[in-house]
Amino acid sequence: MLRLAYVGGLGLMAGPAGTHLKADGPAKVLRVHDRGTPGEQKEAFRDGWRTHGAELVGTFDTTVGDGQLDGVVVCCGKNGDDLQIIAGLTQLLHERSSGQPFIVHMSTVSAGFTAAAEAYCKQHNVGYVNYPLTGGPLGAQLGGGHPNGMLILASGDHDLYSKLEPTLLVLGRPKYYGESVSAGAETKLIGQHLVFNGCTGICTGAALYAECFAGGAMGGTQQSEYFDFLNGGAGGTRQWDVALSKGVTDDDWNSGFMVHHAVVDAIYAAKLAQEKGLPRLSVQPMINIALAFSFLLQKFPDGPVATHAIAREMIANASQELDAFMTANGAYAPDIDTCLASAIASLPPAVQETVLLDVSVGNFSA
């Protein structure tokens, strides 16, 4: 039985693990980092971890404890959020563990981050793998025993994957993508190209429906039934089922894939496509949707707002404001580097800090 600790274990993607992992299962979680953030959902996850037998602790120091752990699971934020978390945990594990502990990093970060993190951890005799998750909070709740449980995109050290696989099968549906530490992150970002292009497509369809058939109005039973049917055709996308249908059917624009997370993923997805030499045709849509999300963050600074809310900004009486924002913030600059830098610069400062697009081993030592 693996002995683990969790950082980010009260979040929507990692919190359900407290319920899925049983006393006689493949892993025992000894401690869960808890910043004390209030909320009904947080309390439910706390109860789940307590029932599991985990101790809730307030610092990374106490999360690692005496270091007699097999590893720490981290499921937190983006590059800028997680860099110091990974660095700090690595130092503590290096100082206190008698064996070779590992960090299982389940956050969505850039491919470059994973390579730098692995190199830094190796310097300190700590294993590192990045297994990003996809499937949303519902997939995390359903777990590995359900056909719609979240996907776990694993790669890196194969021996470590073999050790972790029984636990991963409880949490979700894992797939191993090879020895490259960045393959999981790259797979997640490939998936985000599918997500964001699907989101743009279905939101464009909804805006066109509003103009063609509903006098510019978004939402209602007729529009919902229209896309329930049309989405069964060749252009169908899960972004109708898991995202836009909430807005059209239930007037819910604030739950789902939160824009402040999605915008960073779109930037990472654009960067990956650019680095791999894909044409602007492939890169530009990620920059465009990143700027659309940035516009939403500016328009609704108090949030929350979900990705499918861009549909409301695409109808004719709102579209000029979105166009003006994108033009002013470099969407149509002559080169991709300028577009990407402008998209990042358009973000609110707190979100900008999470991006940290270029990461080296030196960043972890700073």
Protein backbone atom coordinates (compact mmCIF):
# COMPACT_ATOMS: atom_id res chain seq x y z
CA MET A 1 0.00 0.00 0.00
CA LEU A 2 1.38 3.39 -1.05
CA ARG A 3 1.73 6.07 1.61
CA LEU A 4 0.79 9.42 0.11
CA ALA A 5 0.13 13.05 0.93
CA TYR A 6 -2.02 15.43 -1.12
CA VAL A 7 -1.58 19.09 -2.01
CA GLY A 8 -4.68 20.45 -3.72
CA GLY A 9 -6.77 17.67 -2.26
CA LEU A 10 -9.70 19.98 -1.55
CA GLY A 11 -10.07 21.02 -5.19
CA LEU A 12 -12.77 19.80 -7.55
CA MET A 13 -10.51 17.37 -9.39
CA ALA A 14 -8.58 15.86 -6.46
CA GLY A 15 -11.16 16.19 -3.68
CA PRO A 16 -13.22 13.13 -4.70
CA ALA A 17 -10.15 10.92 -4.14
CA GLY A 18 -10.93 10.96 -0.43
CA THR A 19 -14.12 9.05 -1.18
CA HIS A 20 -12.74 6.77 -3.89
CA LEU A 21 -9.72 5.52 -1.92
CA LYS A 22 -10.82 2.87 0.57
CA ALA A 23 -9.10 1.53 3.69
CA ASP A 24 -8.19 -1.73 1.96
CA GLY A 25 -7.23 -0.04 -1.32
CA PRO A 26 -3.87 0.44 -3.05
CA ALA A 27 -3.02 3.74 -1.33
CA LYS A 28 -3.35 5.36 2.06
CA VAL A 29 -3.33 9.16 2.20
CA LEU A 30 -1.74 10.21 5.48
CA ARG A 31 -2.05 13.99 5.20
CA VAL A 32 -3.89 16.54 3.05
CA HIS A 33 -2.79 20.17 2.80
CA ASP A 34 -5.63 22.48 3.86
CA ARG A 35 -5.40 26.27 3.53
CA GLY A 36 -8.63 26.67 5.46
CA THR A 37 -10.64 28.03 2.54
CA PRO A 38 -14.34 28.01 3.49
CA GLY A 39 -17.13 26.55 1.39
CA GLU A 40 -19.73 23.81 1.35
CA GLN A 41 -17.86 21.78 -1.27
CA LYS A 42 -14.58 22.14 0.63
CA GLU A 43 -16.26 20.85 3.79
CA ALA A 44 -17.63 17.85 1.92
CA PHE A 45 -14.13 17.01 0.69
CA ARG A 46 -12.73 17.51 4.20
CA ASP A 47 -15.28 15.03 5.52
CA GLY A 48 -14.29 12.56 2.82
CA TRP A 49 -10.62 12.78 3.71
CA ARG A 50 -11.32 12.48 7.44
CA THR A 51 -13.38 9.37 6.77
CA HIS A 52 -10.50 7.99 4.72
CA GLY A 53 -8.25 8.58 7.74
CA ALA A 54 -6.16 11.49 6.47
CA GLU A 55 -5.02 14.34 8.69
CA LEU A 56 -5.74 17.87 7.43
CA VAL A 57 -2.69 20.10 7.91
CA GLY A 58 -1.98 23.74 7.18
CA THR A 59 1.60 23.85 5.84
CA PHE A 60 3.78 22.01 3.34
CA ASP A 61 6.17 21.29 6.20
CA THR A 62 3.51 19.33 8.08
CA THR A 63 2.20 17.80 4.85
CA VAL A 64 5.56 16.13 4.27
CA GLY A 65 5.98 15.53 8.00
CA ASP A 66 8.86 13.21 8.84
CA GLY A 67 9.26 12.36 5.16
CA GLN A 68 8.25 8.73 5.54
CA LEU A 69 6.07 8.89 2.45
CA ASP A 70 6.20 7.16 -0.89
CA GLY A 71 5.09 10.34 -2.59
CA VAL A 72 3.05 13.51 -2.75
CA VAL A 73 0.19 14.13 -5.18
CA VAL A 74 -0.10 17.75 -6.34
CA CYS A 75 -3.22 19.00 -8.15
CA CYS A 76 -3.26 22.79 -7.95
CA GLY A 77 -2.88 25.38 -10.69
CA LYS A 78 -0.73 26.43 -13.62
CA ASN A 79 3.01 27.02 -14.14
CA GLY A 80 3.13 30.16 -12.01
CA ASP A 81 1.06 28.62 -9.21
CA ASP A 82 2.83 25.29 -8.99
CA LEU A 83 6.50 26.14 -9.51
CA GLN A 84 7.18 27.08 -5.89
CA ILE A 85 4.97 24.24 -4.65
CA ILE A 86 6.99 21.64 -6.57
CA ALA A 87 10.28 23.29 -5.55
CA GLY A 88 9.32 23.45 -1.88
CA LEU A 89 8.03 19.88 -1.70
CA THR A 90 11.13 18.61 -3.50
CA GLN A 91 13.41 20.25 -0.94
CA LEU A 92 11.42 18.84 1.98
CA LEU A 93 11.30 15.32 0.53
CA HIS A 94 15.02 15.44 -0.26
CA GLU A 95 15.87 16.49 3.29
CA ARG A 96 13.57 14.08 5.12
CA SER A 97 12.94 10.94 3.07
CA SER A 98 15.15 7.91 3.48
CA GLY A 99 14.17 6.34 0.15
CA GLN A 100 13.46 7.86 -3.26
CA PRO A 101 10.11 9.62 -2.94
CA PHE A 102 8.12 10.92 -5.88
CA ILE A 103 5.83 13.77 -6.84
CA VAL A 104 2.76 13.00 -8.96
CA HIS A 105 1.82 16.31 -10.53
CA MET A 106 -1.77 16.26 -11.82
CA SER A 107 -2.08 19.95 -12.70
CA THR A 108 -2.30 21.14 -16.30
CA VAL A 109 1.01 22.88 -17.00
CA SER A 110 3.06 23.54 -20.11
CA ALA A 111 5.21 20.81 -21.62
CA GLY A 112 8.32 22.86 -20.87
CA PHE A 113 7.40 23.03 -17.20
CA THR A 114 7.38 19.24 -16.90
CA ALA A 115 10.86 18.88 -18.40
CA ALA A 116 12.30 21.51 -16.06
CA ALA A 117 10.51 20.05 -13.04
CA GLU A 118 11.76 16.54 -13.76
CA ALA A 119 15.34 17.76 -14.10
CA TYR A 120 15.12 19.74 -10.85
CA CYS A 121 13.61 16.82 -8.94
CA LYS A 122 16.28 14.42 -10.26
CA GLN A 123 18.95 16.71 -8.84
CA HIS A 124 17.37 16.11 -5.42
CA ASN A 125 16.76 12.34 -5.76
CA VAL A 126 13.00 12.86 -6.07
CA GLY A 127 10.95 11.26 -8.85
CA TYR A 128 8.61 13.49 -10.87
CA VAL A 129 5.78 12.68 -13.25
CA ASN A 130 3.01 14.84 -14.68
CA TYR A 131 -0.37 13.15 -15.10
CA PRO A 132 -2.87 15.87 -16.09
CA LEU A 133 -6.57 15.15 -15.77
CA THR A 134 -9.45 15.68 -18.16
CA GLY A 135 -13.16 15.06 -17.78
CA GLY A 136 -14.09 17.86 -15.41
CA PRO A 137 -15.41 17.72 -11.86
CA LEU A 138 -18.11 15.22 -12.82
CA GLY A 139 -15.52 12.84 -14.21
CA ALA A 140 -13.52 13.18 -10.99
CA GLN A 141 -16.62 12.38 -8.93
CA LEU A 142 -17.47 9.32 -11.03
CA GLY A 143 -14.00 7.85 -10.59
CA GLY A 144 -12.31 4.87 -12.16
CA GLY A 145 -15.22 2.48 -11.85
CA HIS A 146 -17.40 4.48 -14.24
CA PRO A 147 -17.13 4.62 -18.06
CA ASN A 148 -17.31 8.42 -17.86
CA GLY A 149 -14.72 8.73 -15.10
CA MET A 150 -11.99 11.30 -15.64
CA LEU A 151 -9.05 10.49 -17.91
CA ILE A 152 -5.57 10.44 -16.38
CA LEU A 153 -2.96 11.25 -19.03
CA ALA A 154 0.19 9.56 -17.74
CA SER A 155 3.76 9.53 -19.02
CA GLY A 156 7.34 9.49 -17.79
CA ASP A 157 9.06 6.89 -15.61
CA HIS A 158 7.41 3.56 -16.47
CA ASP A 159 8.36 1.83 -13.23
CA LEU A 160 6.71 4.62 -11.28
CA TYR A 161 3.61 4.38 -13.47
CA SER A 162 3.40 0.64 -12.78
CA LYS A 163 3.59 1.35 -9.06
CA LEU A 164 0.87 4.00 -9.29
CA GLU A 165 -1.48 2.28 -11.75
CA PRO A 166 -3.63 0.43 -9.17
CA THR A 167 -4.31 3.74 -7.42
CA LEU A 168 -4.93 5.57 -10.69
CA LEU A 169 -7.50 2.95 -11.70
CA VAL A 170 -9.49 3.80 -8.58
CA LEU A 171 -9.39 7.54 -9.28
CA GLY A 172 -10.11 7.52 -13.01
CA ARG A 173 -9.21 5.97 -16.35
CA PRO A 174 -5.44 6.17 -16.86
CA LYS A 175 -3.53 5.75 -20.11
CA TYR A 176 0.25 5.69 -20.35
CA TYR A 177 1.81 7.66 -23.23
CA GLY A 178 5.45 6.62 -22.95
CA GLU A 179 8.69 7.53 -21.21
CA SER A 180 8.76 11.22 -22.15
CA VAL A 181 7.88 13.28 -19.08
CA SER A 182 6.07 15.83 -21.25
CA ALA A 183 3.86 13.39 -23.21
CA GLY A 184 0.98 13.64 -20.73
CA ALA A 185 1.07 17.44 -20.81
CA GLU A 186 1.30 17.44 -24.60
CA THR A 187 -1.67 15.08 -24.80
CA LYS A 188 -3.69 17.32 -22.48
CA LEU A 189 -2.92 20.35 -24.66
CA ILE A 190 -3.79 18.43 -27.83
CA GLY A 191 -7.10 17.75 -26.13
CA GLN A 192 -7.49 21.44 -25.38
CA HIS A 193 -7.21 22.22 -29.09
CA LEU A 194 -10.22 19.93 -29.54
CA VAL A 195 -12.04 21.53 -26.62
CA PHE A 196 -11.48 25.14 -27.60
CA ASN A 197 -12.11 24.68 -31.32
CA GLY A 198 -15.29 22.84 -30.36
CA CYS A 199 -16.26 25.64 -28.00
CA THR A 200 -15.76 28.29 -30.68
CA GLY A 201 -17.73 26.24 -33.18
CA ILE A 202 -20.76 25.53 -31.00
CA CYS A 203 -20.85 29.09 -29.65
CA THR A 204 -20.72 30.43 -33.21
CA GLY A 205 -23.58 28.09 -34.08
CA ALA A 206 -25.61 29.35 -31.11
CA ALA A 207 -25.00 32.98 -32.09
CA LEU A 208 -26.05 32.24 -35.67
CA TYR A 209 -29.19 30.47 -34.46
CA ALA A 210 -30.00 33.53 -32.35
CA GLU A 211 -29.67 35.83 -35.36
CA CYS A 212 -31.36 33.53 -37.91
CA PHE A 213 -34.28 32.26 -35.86
CA ALA A 214 -34.64 34.10 -32.54
CA GLY A 215 -34.28 37.81 -33.20
CA GLY A 216 -30.83 37.90 -31.61
CA ALA A 217 -31.95 36.26 -28.35
CA MET A 218 -29.80 33.57 -26.77
CA GLY A 219 -31.37 30.65 -24.93
CA GLY A 220 -34.67 28.86 -24.53
CA THR A 221 -36.28 25.50 -25.15
CA GLN A 222 -36.42 25.80 -28.94
CA GLN A 223 -32.72 26.59 -29.24
CA SER A 224 -31.89 23.77 -26.83
CA GLU A 225 -33.90 21.24 -28.83
CA TYR A 226 -32.38 22.54 -32.07
CA PHE A 227 -28.83 21.80 -30.92
CA ASP A 228 -29.73 18.56 -29.18
CA PHE A 229 -30.68 17.36 -32.66
CA LEU A 230 -28.05 19.11 -34.81
CA ASN A 231 -25.20 18.15 -32.49
CA GLY A 232 -25.88 14.52 -33.41
CA GLY A 233 -24.58 15.23 -36.91
CA ALA A 234 -21.07 15.37 -38.35
CA GLY A 235 -20.27 18.64 -36.60
CA GLY A 236 -21.21 17.43 -33.14
CA THR A 237 -19.06 18.40 -30.17
CA ARG A 238 -19.12 17.50 -26.50
CA GLN A 239 -18.86 21.23 -25.83
CA TRP A 240 -22.61 21.34 -26.37
CA ASP A 241 -23.27 18.55 -23.88
CA VAL A 242 -20.88 19.61 -21.12
CA ALA A 243 -20.81 23.38 -21.59
CA LEU A 244 -23.08 25.47 -23.82
CA SER A 245 -26.26 23.50 -23.14
CA LYS A 246 -26.07 24.76 -19.54
CA GLY A 247 -26.32 28.33 -20.76
CA VAL A 248 -28.91 27.80 -23.46
CA THR A 249 -31.14 25.44 -21.48
CA ASP A 250 -30.73 26.64 -17.89
CA ASP A 251 -29.33 30.18 -18.30
CA ASP A 252 -26.26 28.99 -16.39
CA TRP A 253 -23.16 30.78 -17.64
CA ASN A 254 -21.13 30.55 -14.46
CA SER A 255 -20.45 26.84 -13.93
CA GLY A 256 -18.27 24.49 -15.91
CA PHE A 257 -14.76 25.19 -17.21
CA MET A 258 -13.82 28.44 -15.50
CA VAL A 259 -12.37 31.09 -17.79
CA HIS A 260 -9.44 32.03 -15.53
CA HIS A 261 -8.17 28.45 -15.88
CA ALA A 262 -9.15 27.95 -19.52
CA VAL A 263 -7.39 31.07 -20.78
CA VAL A 264 -4.04 29.80 -19.52
CA ASP A 265 -4.59 26.39 -21.10
CA ALA A 266 -5.36 28.10 -24.42
CA ILE A 267 -2.05 29.98 -24.22
CA TYR A 268 -0.15 26.76 -23.46
CA ALA A 269 -1.94 25.03 -26.35
CA ALA A 270 -0.99 27.85 -28.72
CA LYS A 271 2.63 27.73 -27.57
CA LEU A 272 2.85 23.96 -28.07
CA ALA A 273 1.51 24.20 -31.63
CA GLN A 274 3.93 27.03 -32.40
CA GLU A 275 6.92 25.17 -30.93
CA LYS A 276 6.10 22.08 -32.98
CA GLY A 277 6.06 24.07 -36.21
CA LEU A 278 2.33 23.96 -36.97
CA PRO A 279 0.89 26.64 -39.27
CA ARG A 280 -0.77 29.80 -38.07
CA LEU A 281 -4.05 28.16 -39.07
CA SER A 282 -3.57 25.87 -36.06
CA VAL A 283 -2.10 28.37 -33.60
CA GLN A 284 -4.33 31.39 -34.22
CA PRO A 285 -7.61 29.84 -32.98
CA MET A 286 -6.03 29.27 -29.56
CA ILE A 287 -4.88 32.89 -29.41
CA ASN A 288 -8.31 34.08 -30.53
CA ILE A 289 -10.14 32.17 -27.83
CA ALA A 290 -7.56 33.21 -25.23
CA LEU A 291 -8.35 36.84 -26.07
CA ALA A 292 -12.08 36.13 -25.97
CA PHE A 293 -11.63 34.65 -22.49
CA SER A 294 -9.51 37.65 -21.49
CA PHE A 295 -12.37 39.87 -22.63
CA LEU A 296 -14.76 37.95 -20.36
CA LEU A 297 -12.39 38.39 -17.42
CA GLN A 298 -12.35 42.14 -18.06
CA LYS A 299 -16.12 42.37 -18.50
CA PHE A 300 -16.95 40.24 -15.45
CA PRO A 301 -14.11 40.96 -13.01
CA ASP A 302 -16.02 39.59 -10.03
CA GLY A 303 -16.75 36.27 -11.79
CA PRO A 304 -17.24 33.43 -11.86
CA VAL A 305 -17.71 32.93 -15.57
CA ALA A 306 -17.40 29.77 -17.67
CA THR A 307 -16.01 29.28 -21.16
CA HIS A 308 -19.38 28.91 -22.90
CA ALA A 309 -20.26 32.47 -21.85
CA ILE A 310 -18.43 33.68 -24.96
CA ALA A 311 -21.58 32.72 -26.90
CA ARG A 312 -23.40 35.74 -25.44
CA GLU A 313 -20.63 38.03 -26.69
CA MET A 314 -20.90 36.69 -30.25
CA ILE A 315 -24.44 37.79 -31.07
CA ALA A 316 -24.65 40.83 -33.31
CA ASN A 317 -25.48 43.47 -30.71
CA ALA A 318 -22.44 42.48 -28.59
CA SER A 319 -19.88 41.39 -31.15
CA GLN A 320 -18.41 44.81 -31.92
CA GLU A 321 -17.17 45.18 -28.34
CA LEU A 322 -15.44 41.80 -28.53
CA ASP A 323 -13.94 42.65 -31.93
CA ALA A 324 -12.61 45.96 -30.61
CA PHE A 325 -10.97 44.25 -27.63
CA MET A 326 -9.30 41.62 -29.79
CA THR A 327 -8.05 44.19 -32.30
CA ALA A 328 -6.68 46.45 -29.56
CA ASN A 329 -4.89 43.52 -27.93
CA GLY A 330 -2.98 42.22 -30.90
CA ALA A 331 -5.13 39.40 -32.27
CA TYR A 332 -4.24 40.33 -35.83
CA ALA A 333 -0.56 41.19 -35.37
CA PRO A 334 1.68 40.10 -38.26
CA ASP A 335 3.51 37.39 -36.27
CA ILE A 336 2.51 34.77 -33.71
CA ASP A 337 5.07 35.80 -31.08
CA THR A 338 3.52 39.28 -30.91
CA CYS A 339 0.00 37.83 -30.81
CA LEU A 340 0.91 35.48 -27.98
CA ALA A 341 2.68 38.15 -25.94
CA SER A 342 -0.23 40.55 -26.45
CA ALA A 343 -2.77 37.95 -25.35
CA ILE A 344 -0.82 37.34 -22.14
CA ALA A 345 -0.44 41.09 -21.54
CA SER A 346 -4.21 41.56 -21.88
CA LEU A 347 -4.91 39.34 -18.87
CA PRO A 348 -5.62 40.64 -15.37
CA PRO A 349 -2.36 40.72 -13.37
CA ALA A 350 -3.34 37.84 -11.07
CA VAL A 351 -4.01 35.58 -14.06
CA GLN A 352 -0.88 36.76 -15.90
CA GLU A 353 1.23 35.59 -12.98
CA THR A 354 -0.07 32.04 -13.32
CA VAL A 355 1.00 31.74 -16.98
CA LEU A 356 4.84 31.78 -16.61
CA LEU A 357 5.23 30.52 -20.15
CA ASP A 358 9.01 29.96 -20.20
CA VAL A 359 10.25 27.77 -17.33
CA SER A 360 13.80 26.51 -16.72
CA VAL A 361 15.45 24.47 -13.98
CA GLY A 362 16.82 27.74 -12.62
CA ASN A 363 13.30 28.96 -11.86
CA PHE A 364 12.89 26.14 -9.34
CA SER A 365 16.09 27.12 -7.55
CA ALA A 366 15.31 30.85 -7.41
